[in-house]
Protein backbone atom coordinates (compact mmCIF):
# COMPACT_ATOMS: atom_id res chain seq x y z
CA MET A 1 11.07 -33.43 12.28
CA THR A 2 10.33 -30.10 10.60
CA ARG A 3 6.92 -31.23 9.37
CA PHE A 4 5.99 -32.28 12.91
CA PHE A 5 6.75 -28.78 14.17
CA ILE A 6 4.73 -27.27 11.32
CA TYR A 7 1.71 -29.27 12.43
CA VAL A 8 2.30 -28.40 16.09
CA SER A 9 2.57 -24.68 15.25
CA ILE A 10 -0.58 -24.69 13.15
CA LEU A 11 -2.47 -26.60 15.85
CA ALA A 12 -1.22 -24.30 18.62
CA GLY A 13 -2.04 -21.09 16.73
CA THR A 14 -5.46 -22.35 15.72
CA SER A 15 -6.25 -23.58 19.23
CA VAL A 16 -5.21 -20.32 20.86
CA ILE A 17 -7.30 -18.07 18.65
CA SER A 18 -10.28 -20.46 18.65
CA PHE A 19 -10.13 -20.62 22.45
CA GLY A 20 -10.01 -16.84 22.63
CA LEU A 21 -12.95 -16.38 20.29
CA ALA A 22 -15.03 -19.07 21.98
CA GLY A 23 -14.21 -17.60 25.39
CA ILE A 24 -15.90 -14.31 24.55
CA GLY A 25 -18.94 -15.91 22.97
CA TYR A 26 -18.03 -16.03 19.29
CA SER A 27 -18.43 -19.76 18.76
CA ILE A 28 -19.08 -19.67 14.99
CA PRO A 29 -15.94 -17.62 14.22
CA ALA A 30 -14.03 -19.95 16.56
CA VAL A 31 -15.16 -22.95 14.51
CA GLY A 32 -14.28 -21.04 11.34
CA ALA A 33 -10.76 -20.40 12.62
CA GLY A 34 -10.48 -24.07 13.53
CA LEU A 35 -11.56 -25.06 10.03
CA CYS A 36 -8.99 -22.67 8.52
CA GLY A 37 -6.31 -24.37 10.62
CA LEU A 38 -7.55 -27.79 9.52
CA VAL A 39 -7.41 -26.75 5.87
CA TRP A 40 -3.86 -25.47 6.38
CA MET A 41 -2.82 -28.75 8.00
CA ILE A 42 -4.35 -30.78 5.17
CA ALA A 43 -2.65 -28.58 2.57
CA CYS A 44 0.67 -29.06 4.35
CA TRP A 45 0.12 -32.81 4.60
CA ARG A 46 -0.65 -32.96 0.88
CA GLY A 47 2.56 -31.07 0.11
CA PHE A 48 1.07 -27.71 -0.88
CA GLN A 49 3.74 -25.59 0.82
CA ARG A 50 2.73 -22.52 -1.20
CA PHE A 51 -0.54 -22.46 0.75
CA ALA A 52 1.41 -21.34 3.83
CA SER A 53 1.64 -17.69 2.76
CA PRO A 54 -2.10 -17.12 2.26
CA ALA A 55 -2.84 -19.14 5.42
CA PHE A 56 -0.44 -16.98 7.42
CA ALA A 57 -2.15 -13.87 6.05
CA VAL A 58 -5.58 -15.28 6.97
CA PHE A 59 -4.51 -16.04 10.54
CA THR A 60 -2.98 -12.58 10.87
CA VAL A 61 -6.26 -11.00 9.77
CA ILE A 62 -8.21 -13.30 12.11
CA SER A 63 -5.95 -12.21 14.98
CA ILE A 64 -6.41 -8.52 14.17
CA VAL A 65 -10.18 -8.85 13.92
CA SER A 66 -10.29 -10.91 17.11
CA ILE A 67 -8.49 -8.13 19.02
CA TRP A 68 -11.12 -5.72 17.71
CA ALA A 69 -13.82 -8.17 18.90
CA GLY A 70 -12.38 -8.28 22.42
CA VAL A 71 -10.00 -11.24 22.49
CA SER A 72 -6.90 -10.74 24.60
CA SER A 73 -4.02 -9.28 22.62
CA TRP A 74 -1.75 -11.92 24.14
CA LEU A 75 -3.82 -14.70 22.56
CA ALA A 76 -3.73 -12.89 19.22
CA LEU A 77 0.05 -12.44 19.57
CA ALA A 78 0.42 -16.16 20.28
CA CYS A 79 -1.66 -17.01 17.20
CA VAL A 80 0.41 -14.75 14.96
CA THR A 81 3.66 -16.08 16.43
CA PHE A 82 2.68 -19.72 15.92
CA SER A 83 1.40 -18.94 12.43
CA LEU A 84 4.65 -17.17 11.59
CA ILE A 85 6.63 -20.17 12.82
CA ALA A 86 4.50 -22.54 10.72
CA TRP A 87 4.89 -20.31 7.66
CA ASP A 88 8.65 -20.07 8.12
CA LEU A 89 9.01 -23.82 8.56
CA ALA A 90 6.87 -24.47 5.48
CA MET A 91 9.15 -22.25 3.42
CA PHE A 92 12.15 -24.00 4.97
CA VAL A 93 10.78 -27.41 3.94
CA ARG A 94 10.71 -26.18 0.34
CA ARG A 95 14.38 -25.18 0.55
CA LEU A 96 15.26 -28.35 2.47
CA GLY A 97 14.02 -30.43 -0.46
CA LEU A 98 16.96 -29.11 -2.49
CA ALA A 99 19.55 -30.49 -0.05
CA GLY A 100 20.85 -33.84 -1.20
CA ASP A 101 22.87 -35.25 1.70
CA PRO A 102 20.85 -36.33 4.79
CA GLN A 103 23.65 -35.08 7.06
CA ASP A 104 23.32 -31.64 5.49
CA ARG A 105 19.60 -31.71 6.15
CA VAL A 106 20.10 -32.47 9.83
CA ARG A 107 22.62 -29.64 10.20
CA MET A 108 20.41 -27.26 8.27
CA GLU A 109 17.41 -28.14 10.46
CA ARG A 110 19.34 -27.58 13.69
CA ALA A 111 20.73 -24.26 12.52
CA HIS A 112 17.32 -23.11 11.30
CA PHE A 113 15.57 -24.13 14.53
CA ALA A 114 18.18 -22.23 16.55
CA ARG A 115 17.71 -19.07 14.46
CA LEU A 116 13.93 -19.38 14.39
CA GLY A 117 13.77 -19.92 18.15
CA SER A 118 15.95 -16.91 18.85
CA VAL A 119 14.01 -14.64 16.49
CA ALA A 120 10.61 -15.79 17.82
CA GLY A 121 11.83 -15.49 21.41
CA LEU A 122 13.20 -11.99 20.85
CA GLY A 123 9.94 -11.00 19.18
CA VAL A 124 7.86 -12.18 22.12
CA ILE A 125 10.25 -10.51 24.59
CA GLY A 126 9.97 -7.30 22.57
CA ALA A 127 6.17 -7.50 22.61
CA VAL A 128 6.14 -8.06 26.37
CA ALA A 129 8.54 -5.15 26.87
CA ALA A 130 6.44 -2.90 24.65
CA ALA A 131 3.33 -3.76 26.66
CA ARG A 132 4.99 -3.18 30.03
CA ILE A 133 7.26 -0.19 29.44
CA HIS A 134 5.77 3.23 28.77
CA ILE A 135 8.00 6.07 27.58
CA ASP A 136 6.79 9.48 26.41
CA LEU A 137 8.59 10.48 23.21
CA THR A 138 8.43 13.49 20.96
CA PHE A 139 7.74 13.03 17.26
CA GLY A 140 11.39 13.60 16.31
CA SER A 141 12.70 11.04 18.77
CA SER A 142 10.02 8.56 17.66
CA ALA A 143 11.02 9.01 14.02
CA LEU A 144 14.70 8.57 14.89
CA LEU A 145 13.91 5.45 16.90
CA ALA A 146 11.87 4.06 13.99
CA LEU A 147 14.76 4.67 11.59
CA LEU A 148 17.18 2.97 13.97
CA ALA A 149 14.82 0.01 14.31
CA PHE A 150 14.46 -0.24 10.53
CA TRP A 151 18.24 -0.13 10.10
CA GLY A 152 18.75 -2.75 12.84
CA ILE A 153 16.19 -5.15 11.42
CA SER A 154 17.67 -4.73 7.93
CA ALA A 155 21.15 -5.44 9.26
CA LEU A 156 19.87 -8.52 11.12
CA ILE A 157 18.14 -9.88 8.01
CA TYR A 158 21.25 -9.24 5.90
CA SER A 159 23.39 -10.99 8.52
CA LEU A 160 21.09 -14.01 8.70
CA ARG A 161 20.86 -14.32 4.93
CA SER A 162 24.62 -14.14 4.46
CA ARG A 163 25.09 -17.10 6.82
CA GLU A 164 22.80 -19.42 4.82
């Protein structure tokens, strides 16, 4: 089931960014992004899970460059989100291979999907909130807010890792 969602995430991220690029007239880069997604899917199908990290980096760069070229930031956000999900699931498949009991695998998959869904959902909600809400801050309050965010994310990562 995890591999299916890897393929779906890669296909969705590739389709979104290719659609965005083709929509503004960049058909050759759109085909290039589609080919990158196809290569990632083939690498995943062949069992090259280590290819996920460079592929995620490539799709992040493609999304950044596409925003610069005029693609909607929401399409780029969707591409990065789907790529991040595919990368995370690819790394999870590597760890899942170490689990011996099939019942453990099913429980691990359910728990991981629940955590991944909540983190991806909170990330998208945060991006939407950041795009909609405008607050004027001084430099000191911005720095304090950044430190609080860094501490909160570190605490969340520590909490999630201690549960695994």
